[in-house]
Amino acid sequence: MKAGDGSILIVILLVLGIWLFFYTRNRMRTIVHSGTAPAIPENDEPVSEDDVTQLLSEEGYSIVSGKQRIPIHISVNDDAELLESRLFIDYFAEKDGLYYAVKIAKDRKPLEMRGSMLRDRLLVYQLVYPQTSGVIYVELEQQKLNLIVFELDTEEHVG
């Protein structure tokens, strides 16, 4: 082995390491971004009218579809036994070409209008359907619609 062989080997390993890093990073981005968001369901038949649909209509929204059940399969620590859960969206509504997931307030689960609580309870609906423009939270007893729009600031993050 000659005197310069060690440094050549280090350069080759360094180039291979850099290539492997960028290849893996691009491959992960492709995998993450290739997942397609589910389409907003549209019912061919009209949704039956109730107090919520009437309130939404009065505010200029049209109902696109009724209650949606989204099954979720959860794996913990690569365990063979999958846990199951589901998300429910009460309605999808549309106004001025923009779509919204609709959640109805529940007496047993009050929602305070604070950032952390809104994030924890409602952000998931906009993330599941990223083509929605927000979430409409309906407080039926107060005859009130709350339009909640989440904007993720991906530029400002702690790294």
Protein backbone atom coordinates (compact mmCIF):
# COMPACT_ATOMS: atom_id res chain seq x y z
CA MET A 1 0.00 0.00 0.00
CA LYS A 2 1.38 3.37 -1.01
CA ALA A 3 1.38 6.54 1.10
CA GLY A 4 -1.54 8.23 -0.77
CA ASP A 5 -3.80 5.14 -0.87
CA GLY A 6 -5.32 5.84 2.55
CA SER A 7 -6.42 9.35 1.60
CA ILE A 8 -7.87 8.09 -1.71
CA LEU A 9 -9.84 5.47 0.19
CA ILE A 10 -11.14 8.14 2.59
CA VAL A 11 -12.22 10.37 -0.34
CA ILE A 12 -14.02 7.42 -2.02
CA LEU A 13 -15.81 6.52 1.23
CA LEU A 14 -16.72 10.17 1.78
CA VAL A 15 -18.18 10.47 -1.74
CA LEU A 16 -20.14 7.21 -1.27
CA GLY A 17 -21.43 8.45 2.11
CA ILE A 18 -22.59 11.76 0.64
CA TRP A 19 -24.24 9.99 -2.30
CA LEU A 20 -25.99 7.54 0.07
CA PHE A 21 -27.24 10.42 2.25
CA PHE A 22 -28.76 12.32 -0.70
CA TYR A 23 -30.17 9.16 -2.28
CA THR A 24 -31.86 8.14 0.99
CA ARG A 25 -33.19 11.64 1.61
CA ASN A 26 -34.66 11.93 -1.90
CA ARG A 27 -36.12 8.42 -1.65
CA MET A 28 -37.82 9.29 1.67
CA ARG A 29 -39.24 12.50 0.18
CA THR A 30 -40.61 10.54 -2.77
CA ILE A 31 -42.25 8.00 -0.47
CA VAL A 32 -43.79 10.69 1.75
CA HIS A 33 -44.99 12.92 -1.09
CA SER A 34 -46.32 10.10 -3.28
CA GLY A 35 -49.11 9.36 -0.82
CA THR A 36 -52.27 10.78 -2.32
CA ALA A 37 -54.87 12.48 -0.19
CA PRO A 38 -58.29 10.89 -0.21
CA ALA A 39 -60.81 12.66 -2.40
CA ILE A 40 -63.51 14.66 -0.70
CA PRO A 41 -66.54 12.39 -0.93
CA GLU A 42 -69.55 13.75 -2.77
CA ASN A 43 -72.96 12.15 -2.30
CA ASP A 44 -75.12 11.65 -5.35
CA GLU A 45 -78.20 11.73 -3.14
CA PRO A 46 -79.01 14.81 -1.04
CA VAL A 47 -78.13 14.83 2.65
CA SER A 48 -81.19 14.95 4.87
CA GLU A 49 -81.79 18.42 6.25
CA ASP A 50 -81.31 19.04 9.96
CA ASP A 51 -80.45 22.02 12.19
CA VAL A 52 -76.77 21.88 11.21
CA THR A 53 -77.35 21.73 7.46
CA GLN A 54 -79.91 24.51 7.78
CA LEU A 55 -77.43 26.73 9.67
CA LEU A 56 -74.71 26.01 7.10
CA SER A 57 -77.12 26.83 4.26
CA GLU A 58 -78.11 30.11 5.91
CA GLU A 59 -74.43 31.07 5.98
CA GLY A 60 -74.02 30.30 2.27
CA TYR A 61 -72.49 26.81 2.47
CA SER A 62 -73.75 23.88 0.45
CA ILE A 63 -73.47 20.36 1.86
CA VAL A 64 -71.24 18.13 -0.25
CA SER A 65 -71.60 14.94 1.80
CA GLY A 66 -72.80 13.62 5.12
CA LYS A 67 -71.00 11.75 7.90
CA GLN A 68 -67.75 10.08 6.88
CA ARG A 69 -66.06 7.31 8.83
CA ILE A 70 -62.33 7.01 8.25
CA PRO A 71 -60.82 3.75 9.57
CA ILE A 72 -57.34 3.93 11.09
CA HIS A 73 -54.99 1.00 11.65
CA ILE A 74 -52.27 1.61 14.22
CA SER A 75 -49.07 -0.36 14.70
CA VAL A 76 -47.08 0.08 17.91
CA ASN A 77 -43.40 -0.96 17.93
CA ASP A 78 -43.89 -3.14 14.83
CA ASP A 79 -46.20 -5.39 16.85
CA ALA A 80 -48.14 -7.86 14.68
CA GLU A 81 -51.37 -6.94 16.45
CA LEU A 82 -52.84 -3.82 14.87
CA LEU A 83 -54.91 -1.42 16.91
CA GLU A 84 -57.96 0.02 15.25
CA SER A 85 -59.68 3.35 15.56
CA ARG A 86 -61.59 5.74 13.35
CA LEU A 87 -62.12 9.40 12.65
CA PHE A 88 -65.55 10.85 12.01
CA ILE A 89 -66.27 13.94 9.96
CA ASP A 90 -69.86 15.13 10.32
CA TYR A 91 -70.17 16.83 6.91
CA PHE A 92 -68.21 18.30 4.06
CA ALA A 93 -69.39 21.73 2.94
CA GLU A 94 -68.49 24.01 0.05
CA LYS A 95 -68.63 27.77 -0.36
CA ASP A 96 -67.16 29.88 -3.18
CA GLY A 97 -65.34 26.85 -4.59
CA LEU A 98 -63.60 26.05 -1.28
CA TYR A 99 -64.24 22.87 0.69
CA TYR A 100 -64.43 22.47 4.46
CA ALA A 101 -64.62 19.58 6.89
CA VAL A 102 -67.48 20.12 9.36
CA LYS A 103 -67.40 19.04 13.00
CA ILE A 104 -70.34 19.51 15.35
CA ALA A 105 -69.71 20.57 18.97
CA LYS A 106 -70.49 17.90 21.55
CA ASP A 107 -71.69 18.74 25.06
CA ARG A 108 -69.49 16.05 26.59
CA LYS A 109 -66.34 17.36 24.85
CA PRO A 110 -66.32 21.17 25.09
CA LEU A 111 -63.76 22.94 22.95
CA GLU A 112 -61.98 26.06 24.16
CA MET A 113 -60.88 28.40 21.39
CA ARG A 114 -57.18 28.19 22.25
CA GLY A 115 -54.47 27.37 19.77
CA SER A 116 -53.28 24.17 21.43
CA MET A 117 -56.80 22.78 21.91
CA LEU A 118 -57.84 23.64 18.35
CA ARG A 119 -54.68 21.99 17.06
CA ASP A 120 -55.14 18.85 19.14
CA ARG A 121 -58.82 18.40 18.33
CA LEU A 122 -59.32 19.75 14.79
CA LEU A 123 -56.04 19.93 12.84
CA VAL A 124 -56.23 16.24 12.00
CA TYR A 125 -59.28 16.82 9.78
CA GLN A 126 -57.49 19.32 7.60
CA LEU A 127 -54.39 17.11 7.46
CA VAL A 128 -56.38 14.05 6.35
CA TYR A 129 -58.02 16.13 3.61
CA PRO A 130 -55.38 18.74 2.71
CA GLN A 131 -57.50 19.97 -0.19
CA THR A 132 -59.92 21.44 2.36
CA SER A 133 -59.52 25.09 3.24
CA GLY A 134 -60.28 24.62 6.91
CA VAL A 135 -62.65 23.14 9.45
CA ILE A 136 -66.07 24.51 10.33
CA TYR A 137 -66.83 23.92 14.00
CA VAL A 138 -70.58 24.16 14.55
CA GLU A 139 -71.91 25.24 17.95
CA LEU A 140 -75.56 24.44 17.39
CA GLU A 141 -76.88 25.72 20.73
CA GLN A 142 -75.38 29.16 20.03
CA GLN A 143 -76.33 28.97 16.33
CA LYS A 144 -72.68 29.74 15.58
CA LEU A 145 -70.22 28.60 12.94
CA ASN A 146 -66.50 28.91 13.66
CA LEU A 147 -64.30 28.77 10.57
CA ILE A 148 -60.90 27.49 11.65
CA VAL A 149 -58.04 27.63 9.16
CA PHE A 150 -54.70 26.03 9.93
CA GLU A 151 -51.60 27.33 8.18
CA LEU A 152 -48.40 25.39 8.78
CA ASP A 153 -45.34 27.61 8.76
CA THR A 154 -42.75 25.16 7.49
CA GLU A 155 -40.11 27.89 7.15
CA GLU A 156 -39.96 28.60 10.87
CA HIS A 157 -39.06 25.43 12.72
CA VAL A 158 -36.63 24.47 15.40
CA GLY A 159 -33.90 22.29 14.00
